[in-house]
Amino acid sequence: MQSILAQTGATSTDRAELSRDMTALASYLMRTANMGTFNTIAELDLSFTQIKTLCVLEVDGEERSVKALAESLGVSLAAMSRAVDGLFDRGLVGREEDTVDRRMKRVRLTDAGRAVPQALNEARLSALHELMCSLGEEEAQALEGALALILERRPEIAAYRPTKGATP
């Protein structure tokens, strides 16, 4: 019995080839987006641990203890305390004693702190926007159709789509 693919003359997608092609696109995007992202990071004058801390707090959307942050980022409690102190001094995080355990400090993003991950995302979005503007109409339509299908069927991917207000 012939397979449906053989009957229709269609061929299955070569996943290895598709993976290589996707790697080419992802590598290009990362390289072009990295320059803007690195420039933004340099302007912020924050340590890598501080940037990761702000991003973790932004993703979680809730306050966390200094200890929990240290554990999630794989750094010592002392290093995380120093990072949080610097962020607090710059007004990027709020810090309060835990209501249950006064020895523990809870950390949350301030509006200024929330702006840091947003600035990094905007730097990446800007590089993507430049690529999209460089595409011909046929390329743009093909990509739009493929992405629409993936985003419709894969909510875990669609959840990362920036809001319309994000500026490229």
N, C-alpha and C. Protein backbone atom coordinates (compact mmCIF):
# COMPACT_ATOMS: atom_id res chain seq x y z
N MET A 1 0.84 -1.18 0.00
CA MET A 1 0.00 0.00 0.00
C MET A 1 0.88 1.23 0.00
N GLN A 2 0.63 2.10 -0.95
CA GLN A 2 1.43 3.31 -1.05
C GLN A 2 1.03 4.32 0.02
N SER A 3 2.04 5.06 0.47
CA SER A 3 1.74 6.10 1.46
C SER A 3 1.05 7.27 0.76
N ILE A 4 0.38 8.08 1.54
CA ILE A 4 -0.30 9.26 0.99
C ILE A 4 0.71 10.19 0.36
N LEU A 5 1.91 10.31 0.98
CA LEU A 5 2.95 11.17 0.40
C LEU A 5 3.32 10.69 -1.00
N ALA A 6 3.51 9.36 -1.16
CA ALA A 6 3.88 8.82 -2.46
C ALA A 6 2.74 9.00 -3.46
N GLN A 7 1.49 8.81 -3.02
CA GLN A 7 0.34 8.94 -3.91
C GLN A 7 0.18 10.37 -4.42
N THR A 8 0.44 11.34 -3.56
CA THR A 8 0.24 12.74 -3.96
C THR A 8 1.47 13.35 -4.59
N GLY A 9 2.60 12.64 -4.51
CA GLY A 9 3.83 13.18 -5.06
C GLY A 9 4.51 14.15 -4.11
N ALA A 10 3.95 14.31 -2.91
CA ALA A 10 4.54 15.21 -1.93
C ALA A 10 5.70 14.53 -1.22
N THR A 11 6.60 15.31 -0.73
CA THR A 11 7.72 14.77 0.03
C THR A 11 7.65 15.29 1.46
N SER A 12 8.15 14.50 2.37
CA SER A 12 8.17 14.96 3.76
C SER A 12 9.30 15.97 3.93
N THR A 13 9.11 16.86 4.88
CA THR A 13 10.11 17.88 5.14
C THR A 13 11.33 17.26 5.79
N ASP A 14 12.50 17.58 5.27
CA ASP A 14 13.75 17.11 5.84
C ASP A 14 14.04 17.95 7.07
N ARG A 15 13.81 17.37 8.25
CA ARG A 15 13.96 18.10 9.51
C ARG A 15 15.40 18.55 9.75
N ALA A 16 16.37 17.74 9.33
CA ALA A 16 17.78 18.12 9.50
C ALA A 16 18.10 19.35 8.65
N GLU A 17 17.61 19.35 7.43
CA GLU A 17 17.83 20.50 6.54
C GLU A 17 17.11 21.73 7.09
N LEU A 18 15.89 21.55 7.55
CA LEU A 18 15.13 22.65 8.14
C LEU A 18 15.85 23.20 9.37
N SER A 19 16.42 22.31 10.17
CA SER A 19 17.17 22.74 11.36
C SER A 19 18.39 23.57 10.97
N ARG A 20 19.10 23.14 9.93
CA ARG A 20 20.27 23.91 9.47
C ARG A 20 19.85 25.28 8.95
N ASP A 21 18.75 25.32 8.21
CA ASP A 21 18.26 26.60 7.69
C ASP A 21 17.82 27.52 8.83
N MET A 22 17.15 26.96 9.81
CA MET A 22 16.70 27.76 10.95
C MET A 22 17.91 28.26 11.75
N THR A 23 18.96 27.43 11.85
CA THR A 23 20.18 27.86 12.53
C THR A 23 20.80 29.05 11.81
N ALA A 24 20.79 29.02 10.49
CA ALA A 24 21.34 30.15 9.73
C ALA A 24 20.57 31.43 10.04
N LEU A 25 19.24 31.34 10.04
CA LEU A 25 18.41 32.51 10.34
C LEU A 25 18.62 32.97 11.78
N ALA A 26 18.59 32.03 12.73
CA ALA A 26 18.76 32.40 14.14
C ALA A 26 20.14 33.00 14.39
N SER A 27 21.17 32.44 13.78
CA SER A 27 22.53 32.97 13.95
C SER A 27 22.63 34.38 13.39
N TYR A 28 22.05 34.60 12.22
CA TYR A 28 22.05 35.94 11.63
C TYR A 28 21.33 36.93 12.54
N LEU A 29 20.16 36.53 13.03
CA LEU A 29 19.38 37.42 13.90
C LEU A 29 20.13 37.72 15.19
N MET A 30 20.73 36.71 15.79
CA MET A 30 21.46 36.93 17.04
C MET A 30 22.65 37.86 16.82
N ARG A 31 23.37 37.66 15.74
CA ARG A 31 24.54 38.51 15.49
C ARG A 31 24.12 39.95 15.24
N THR A 32 23.07 40.16 14.48
CA THR A 32 22.66 41.54 14.21
C THR A 32 22.01 42.17 15.43
N ALA A 33 21.25 41.40 16.19
CA ALA A 33 20.59 41.93 17.38
C ALA A 33 21.58 42.15 18.51
N ASN A 34 22.65 41.37 18.56
CA ASN A 34 23.60 41.48 19.66
C ASN A 34 24.27 42.85 19.73
N MET A 35 24.56 43.47 18.59
CA MET A 35 25.23 44.77 18.63
C MET A 35 24.37 45.80 19.36
N GLY A 36 23.12 45.88 19.01
CA GLY A 36 22.23 46.82 19.69
C GLY A 36 22.04 46.46 21.15
N THR A 37 21.93 45.17 21.42
CA THR A 37 21.75 44.71 22.80
C THR A 37 22.99 45.03 23.62
N PHE A 38 24.17 44.74 23.08
CA PHE A 38 25.41 45.02 23.81
C PHE A 38 25.60 46.52 24.04
N ASN A 39 25.23 47.32 23.06
CA ASN A 39 25.32 48.78 23.24
C ASN A 39 24.39 49.24 24.36
N THR A 40 23.19 48.67 24.39
CA THR A 40 22.23 49.01 25.45
C THR A 40 22.78 48.59 26.81
N ILE A 41 23.37 47.40 26.89
CA ILE A 41 23.95 46.92 28.14
C ILE A 41 25.08 47.84 28.59
N ALA A 42 25.93 48.27 27.67
CA ALA A 42 27.05 49.16 28.02
C ALA A 42 26.52 50.49 28.56
N GLU A 43 25.46 51.00 27.96
CA GLU A 43 24.88 52.26 28.42
C GLU A 43 24.29 52.13 29.83
N LEU A 44 23.79 50.95 30.16
CA LEU A 44 23.17 50.73 31.47
C LEU A 44 24.20 50.69 32.59
N ASP A 45 25.43 50.30 32.27
CA ASP A 45 26.50 50.19 33.26
C ASP A 45 26.09 49.32 34.44
N LEU A 46 25.58 48.13 34.12
CA LEU A 46 25.18 47.14 35.13
C LEU A 46 26.01 45.88 34.93
N SER A 47 26.22 45.13 36.02
CA SER A 47 26.91 43.86 35.90
C SER A 47 25.98 42.84 35.24
N PHE A 48 26.59 41.76 34.76
CA PHE A 48 25.79 40.71 34.14
C PHE A 48 24.81 40.11 35.15
N THR A 49 25.26 39.94 36.38
CA THR A 49 24.39 39.41 37.43
C THR A 49 23.22 40.35 37.68
N GLN A 50 23.47 41.65 37.67
CA GLN A 50 22.38 42.61 37.88
C GLN A 50 21.37 42.57 36.73
N ILE A 51 21.85 42.45 35.52
CA ILE A 51 20.95 42.38 34.37
C ILE A 51 20.12 41.09 34.43
N LYS A 52 20.77 39.97 34.74
CA LYS A 52 20.04 38.72 34.87
C LYS A 52 19.00 38.81 35.98
N THR A 53 19.35 39.47 37.08
CA THR A 53 18.41 39.62 38.19
C THR A 53 17.17 40.40 37.75
N LEU A 54 17.37 41.49 37.04
CA LEU A 54 16.23 42.28 36.56
C LEU A 54 15.37 41.46 35.59
N CYS A 55 16.02 40.70 34.73
CA CYS A 55 15.27 39.88 33.77
C CYS A 55 14.48 38.78 34.46
N VAL A 56 15.07 38.14 35.48
CA VAL A 56 14.36 37.09 36.23
C VAL A 56 13.15 37.69 36.93
N LEU A 57 13.33 38.83 37.57
CA LEU A 57 12.21 39.47 38.26
C LEU A 57 11.12 39.88 37.28
N GLU A 58 11.52 40.31 36.10
CA GLU A 58 10.54 40.73 35.09
C GLU A 58 9.76 39.54 34.56
N VAL A 59 10.43 38.44 34.32
CA VAL A 59 9.76 37.24 33.81
C VAL A 59 8.80 36.68 34.86
N ASP A 60 9.27 36.61 36.11
CA ASP A 60 8.43 36.08 37.18
C ASP A 60 7.25 36.99 37.47
N GLY A 61 7.46 38.29 37.36
CA GLY A 61 6.39 39.24 37.63
C GLY A 61 6.02 39.34 39.10
N GLU A 62 6.88 38.87 39.98
CA GLU A 62 6.59 38.93 41.41
C GLU A 62 7.88 39.17 42.18
N GLU A 63 7.73 39.50 43.44
CA GLU A 63 8.92 39.70 44.26
C GLU A 63 9.51 38.36 44.66
N ARG A 64 10.81 38.37 44.92
CA ARG A 64 11.50 37.15 45.33
C ARG A 64 12.48 37.49 46.43
N SER A 65 12.85 36.50 47.20
CA SER A 65 13.87 36.72 48.23
C SER A 65 15.24 36.78 47.56
N VAL A 66 16.18 37.44 48.23
CA VAL A 66 17.55 37.51 47.72
C VAL A 66 18.11 36.10 47.61
N LYS A 67 17.80 35.26 48.58
CA LYS A 67 18.28 33.87 48.57
C LYS A 67 17.73 33.12 47.36
N ALA A 68 16.44 33.26 47.09
CA ALA A 68 15.83 32.57 45.94
C ALA A 68 16.44 33.06 44.63
N LEU A 69 16.72 34.35 44.55
CA LEU A 69 17.36 34.89 43.34
C LEU A 69 18.76 34.29 43.18
N ALA A 70 19.51 34.24 44.27
CA ALA A 70 20.87 33.67 44.22
C ALA A 70 20.82 32.22 43.74
N GLU A 71 19.89 31.45 44.27
CA GLU A 71 19.77 30.05 43.89
C GLU A 71 19.37 29.90 42.42
N SER A 72 18.42 30.71 41.97
CA SER A 72 17.96 30.58 40.59
C SER A 72 19.02 31.02 39.59
N LEU A 73 19.91 31.93 39.98
CA LEU A 73 20.95 32.40 39.06
C LEU A 73 22.28 31.68 39.27
N GLY A 74 22.34 30.83 40.29
CA GLY A 74 23.56 30.06 40.53
C GLY A 74 24.73 30.91 41.01
N VAL A 75 24.44 31.92 41.83
CA VAL A 75 25.50 32.75 42.41
C VAL A 75 25.40 32.67 43.93
N SER A 76 26.46 33.09 44.58
CA SER A 76 26.46 33.05 46.04
C SER A 76 25.49 34.09 46.60
N LEU A 77 25.07 33.86 47.82
CA LEU A 77 24.19 34.80 48.49
C LEU A 77 24.87 36.16 48.63
N ALA A 78 26.16 36.15 48.92
CA ALA A 78 26.92 37.41 49.05
C ALA A 78 26.95 38.18 47.72
N ALA A 79 27.18 37.46 46.63
CA ALA A 79 27.21 38.12 45.31
C ALA A 79 25.85 38.69 44.96
N MET A 80 24.80 37.94 45.28
CA MET A 80 23.45 38.43 44.98
C MET A 80 23.11 39.63 45.86
N SER A 81 23.52 39.60 47.11
CA SER A 81 23.28 40.74 48.00
C SER A 81 23.94 42.00 47.46
N ARG A 82 25.18 41.87 46.98
CA ARG A 82 25.88 43.02 46.40
C ARG A 82 25.16 43.52 45.15
N ALA A 83 24.73 42.58 44.31
CA ALA A 83 24.03 42.96 43.08
C ALA A 83 22.74 43.70 43.41
N VAL A 84 21.98 43.17 44.37
CA VAL A 84 20.72 43.80 44.77
C VAL A 84 20.97 45.17 45.41
N ASP A 85 22.03 45.29 46.21
CA ASP A 85 22.37 46.58 46.80
C ASP A 85 22.59 47.63 45.71
N GLY A 86 23.34 47.27 44.69
CA GLY A 86 23.59 48.20 43.59
C GLY A 86 22.32 48.56 42.84
N LEU A 87 21.46 47.58 42.62
CA LEU A 87 20.19 47.83 41.94
C LEU A 87 19.28 48.72 42.79
N PHE A 88 19.30 48.49 44.09
CA PHE A 88 18.50 49.29 45.02
C PHE A 88 19.00 50.74 45.03
N ASP A 89 20.31 50.91 45.09
CA ASP A 89 20.89 52.25 45.09
C ASP A 89 20.53 53.04 43.84
N ARG A 90 20.35 52.35 42.73
CA ARG A 90 20.00 53.02 41.47
C ARG A 90 18.49 53.12 41.26
N GLY A 91 17.72 52.63 42.22
CA GLY A 91 16.27 52.74 42.13
C GLY A 91 15.63 51.75 41.18
N LEU A 92 16.34 50.66 40.87
CA LEU A 92 15.82 49.68 39.92
C LEU A 92 15.02 48.57 40.60
N VAL A 93 15.27 48.38 41.89
CA VAL A 93 14.49 47.40 42.66
C VAL A 93 14.09 48.02 44.00
N GLY A 94 13.00 47.51 44.53
CA GLY A 94 12.61 47.81 45.89
C GLY A 94 13.02 46.64 46.75
N ARG A 95 13.29 46.88 48.02
CA ARG A 95 13.78 45.82 48.90
C ARG A 95 13.12 46.02 50.25
N GLU A 96 12.50 44.97 50.77
CA GLU A 96 11.81 45.04 52.06
C GLU A 96 12.07 43.77 52.85
N GLU A 97 11.94 43.88 54.15
CA GLU A 97 12.04 42.70 55.00
C GLU A 97 10.83 41.81 54.75
N ASP A 98 11.06 40.51 54.80
CA ASP A 98 9.97 39.55 54.68
C ASP A 98 9.08 39.66 55.91
N THR A 99 7.78 39.62 55.72
CA THR A 99 6.85 39.76 56.85
C THR A 99 6.90 38.57 57.80
N VAL A 100 7.28 37.41 57.30
CA VAL A 100 7.35 36.21 58.13
C VAL A 100 8.73 36.04 58.76
N ASP A 101 9.77 36.23 57.97
CA ASP A 101 11.15 36.05 58.43
C ASP A 101 11.91 37.35 58.20
N ARG A 102 12.09 38.13 59.23
CA ARG A 102 12.69 39.46 59.11
C ARG A 102 14.16 39.41 58.68
N ARG A 103 14.79 38.24 58.77
CA ARG A 103 16.19 38.12 58.32
C ARG A 103 16.25 38.11 56.80
N MET A 104 15.15 37.78 56.15
CA MET A 104 15.09 37.64 54.71
C MET A 104 14.64 38.96 54.06
N LYS A 105 15.28 39.31 52.94
CA LYS A 105 14.89 40.50 52.18
C LYS A 105 14.16 40.06 50.92
N ARG A 106 13.06 40.74 50.63
CA ARG A 106 12.29 40.47 49.42
C ARG A 106 12.56 41.59 48.43
N VAL A 107 12.72 41.23 47.18
CA VAL A 107 13.10 42.18 46.13
C VAL A 107 12.02 42.19 45.06
N ARG A 108 11.70 43.40 44.59
CA ARG A 108 10.72 43.55 43.50
C ARG A 108 11.22 44.64 42.55
N LEU A 109 10.78 44.56 41.33
CA LEU A 109 11.14 45.58 40.34
C LEU A 109 10.40 46.88 40.60
N THR A 110 11.08 47.98 40.35
CA THR A 110 10.41 49.28 40.31
C THR A 110 10.08 49.55 38.84
N ASP A 111 9.40 50.62 38.57
CA ASP A 111 9.11 50.97 37.17
C ASP A 111 10.42 51.17 36.39
N ALA A 112 11.40 51.82 37.03
CA ALA A 112 12.70 52.02 36.38
C ALA A 112 13.38 50.68 36.11
N GLY A 113 13.26 49.74 37.04
CA GLY A 113 13.84 48.41 36.85
C GLY A 113 13.17 47.63 35.75
N ARG A 114 11.86 47.81 35.61
CA ARG A 114 11.10 47.14 34.55
C ARG A 114 11.54 47.65 33.18
N ALA A 115 12.02 48.88 33.13
CA ALA A 115 12.43 49.47 31.86
C ALA A 115 13.69 48.83 31.29
N VAL A 116 14.52 48.23 32.14
CA VAL A 116 15.78 47.63 31.67
C VAL A 116 15.52 46.43 30.77
N PRO A 117 14.79 45.40 31.20
CA PRO A 117 14.51 44.29 30.28
C PRO A 117 13.75 44.76 29.04
N GLN A 118 12.88 45.74 29.20
CA GLN A 118 12.15 46.29 28.05
C GLN A 118 13.11 46.92 27.06
N ALA A 119 14.13 47.64 27.55
CA ALA A 119 15.12 48.26 26.66
C ALA A 119 15.91 47.20 25.91
N LEU A 120 16.25 46.11 26.59
CA LEU A 120 16.97 45.02 25.93
C LEU A 120 16.10 44.37 24.86
N ASN A 121 14.83 44.15 25.17
CA ASN A 121 13.91 43.58 24.19
C ASN A 121 13.73 44.50 22.99
N GLU A 122 13.65 45.80 23.25
CA GLU A 122 13.50 46.76 22.15
C GLU A 122 14.73 46.78 21.25
N ALA A 123 15.92 46.59 21.83
CA ALA A 123 17.14 46.52 21.01
C ALA A 123 17.07 45.31 20.09
N ARG A 124 16.61 44.18 20.62
CA ARG A 124 16.46 42.98 19.78
C ARG A 124 15.39 43.18 18.72
N LEU A 125 14.27 43.77 19.12
CA LEU A 125 13.16 44.00 18.20
C LEU A 125 13.57 44.93 17.06
N SER A 126 14.42 45.88 17.35
CA SER A 126 14.89 46.81 16.34
C SER A 126 15.67 46.06 15.24
N ALA A 127 16.51 45.13 15.65
CA ALA A 127 17.28 44.35 14.66
C ALA A 127 16.34 43.48 13.82
N LEU A 128 15.33 42.90 14.45
CA LEU A 128 14.36 42.09 13.70
C LEU A 128 13.57 42.96 12.72
N HIS A 129 13.21 44.15 13.18
CA HIS A 129 12.46 45.07 12.32
C HIS A 129 13.28 45.44 11.08
N GLU A 130 14.57 45.66 11.27
CA GLU A 130 15.44 45.97 10.13
C GLU A 130 15.45 44.83 9.12
N LEU A 131 15.52 43.60 9.62
CA LEU A 131 15.48 42.44 8.72
C LEU A 131 14.15 42.38 7.99
N MET A 132 13.05 42.56 8.71
CA MET A 132 11.73 42.48 8.09
C MET A 132 11.57 43.55 7.00
N CYS A 133 12.12 44.72 7.23
CA CYS A 133 12.04 45.80 6.24
C CYS A 133 12.89 45.50 5.01
N SER A 134 13.91 44.64 5.17
CA SER A 134 14.77 44.31 4.03
C SER A 134 14.20 43.20 3.15
N LEU A 135 13.16 42.52 3.62
CA LEU A 135 12.56 41.42 2.85
C LEU A 135 11.73 41.95 1.69
N GLY A 136 11.77 41.22 0.60
CA GLY A 136 10.87 41.51 -0.50
C GLY A 136 9.45 41.10 -0.13
N GLU A 137 8.48 41.55 -0.91
CA GLU A 137 7.07 41.26 -0.60
C GLU A 137 6.79 39.75 -0.56
N GLU A 138 7.33 39.00 -1.49
CA GLU A 138 7.10 37.55 -1.52
C GLU A 138 7.70 36.88 -0.29
N GLU A 139 8.91 37.30 0.10
CA GLU A 139 9.55 36.74 1.29
C GLU A 139 8.75 37.09 2.55
N ALA A 140 8.29 38.32 2.63
CA ALA A 140 7.52 38.77 3.80
C ALA A 140 6.21 38.00 3.92
N GLN A 141 5.53 37.80 2.81
CA GLN A 141 4.26 37.07 2.83
C GLN A 141 4.47 35.61 3.23
N ALA A 142 5.53 34.98 2.70
CA ALA A 142 5.81 33.59 3.04
C ALA A 142 6.13 33.45 4.53
N LEU A 143 6.94 34.36 5.04
CA LEU A 143 7.29 34.32 6.46
C LEU A 143 6.07 34.60 7.32
N GLU A 144 5.25 35.55 6.92
CA GLU A 144 4.03 35.87 7.66
C GLU A 144 3.11 34.66 7.76
N GLY A 145 2.95 33.95 6.67
CA GLY A 145 2.09 32.76 6.66
C GLY A 145 2.64 31.65 7.55
N ALA A 146 3.95 31.41 7.47
CA ALA A 146 4.56 30.36 8.29
C ALA A 146 4.47 30.71 9.78
N LEU A 147 4.76 31.95 10.11
CA LEU A 147 4.70 32.37 11.52
C LEU A 147 3.27 32.34 12.04
N ALA A 148 2.32 32.76 11.23
CA ALA A 148 0.93 32.75 11.67
C ALA A 148 0.49 31.33 12.03
N LEU A 149 0.87 30.37 11.21
CA LEU A 149 0.53 28.98 11.47
C LEU A 149 1.17 28.48 12.77
N ILE A 150 2.45 28.78 12.94
CA ILE A 150 3.15 28.32 14.15
C ILE A 150 2.56 28.98 15.39
N LEU A 151 2.36 30.29 15.35
CA LEU A 151 1.85 31.01 16.52
C LEU A 151 0.42 30.60 16.87
N GLU A 152 -0.35 30.27 15.87
CA GLU A 152 -1.73 29.82 16.10
C GLU A 152 -1.75 28.47 16.81
N ARG A 153 -0.83 27.59 16.44
CA ARG A 153 -0.85 26.23 16.97
C ARG A 153 0.07 26.02 18.17
N ARG A 154 0.93 26.99 18.45
CA ARG A 154 1.92 26.83 19.52
C ARG A 154 1.84 28.00 20.50
N PRO A 155 0.88 27.97 21.43
CA PRO A 155 0.70 29.09 22.36
C PRO A 155 1.93 29.34 23.24
N GLU A 156 2.73 28.31 23.49
CA GLU A 156 3.93 28.52 24.30
C GLU A 156 4.95 29.40 23.57
N ILE A 157 4.88 29.42 22.25
CA ILE A 157 5.73 30.32 21.46
C ILE A 157 5.04 31.68 21.33
N ALA A 158 3.77 31.67 21.06
CA ALA A 158 3.01 32.92 20.89
C ALA A 158 3.05 33.78 22.15
N ALA A 159 3.23 33.16 23.30
CA ALA A 159 3.28 33.90 24.57
C ALA A 159 4.43 34.90 24.60
N TYR A 160 5.44 34.69 23.79
CA TYR A 160 6.60 35.58 23.77
C TYR A 160 6.45 36.74 22.77
N ARG A 161 5.35 36.79 22.09
CA ARG A 161 5.14 37.86 21.09
C ARG A 161 5.01 39.20 21.80
N PRO A 162 5.86 40.18 21.41
CA PRO A 162 5.75 41.51 22.03
C PRO A 162 4.39 42.15 21.74
N THR A 163 3.97 43.01 22.62
CA THR A 163 2.71 43.70 22.40
C THR A 163 2.85 44.69 21.24
N LYS A 164 1.74 45.12 20.70
CA LYS A 164 1.77 46.04 19.56
C LYS A 164 2.45 47.35 19.90
N GLY A 165 2.44 47.74 21.18
CA GLY A 165 3.05 49.00 21.57
C GLY A 165 4.57 48.97 21.58
N ALA A 166 5.18 47.78 21.47
CA ALA A 166 6.63 47.69 21.49
C ALA A 166 7.18 48.38 20.24
N THR A 167 8.21 49.17 20.44
CA THR A 167 8.75 49.95 19.33
C THR A 167 9.95 49.27 18.73
N PRO A 168 9.94 49.09 17.40
CA PRO A 168 11.10 48.50 16.74
C PRO A 168 12.20 49.52 16.54
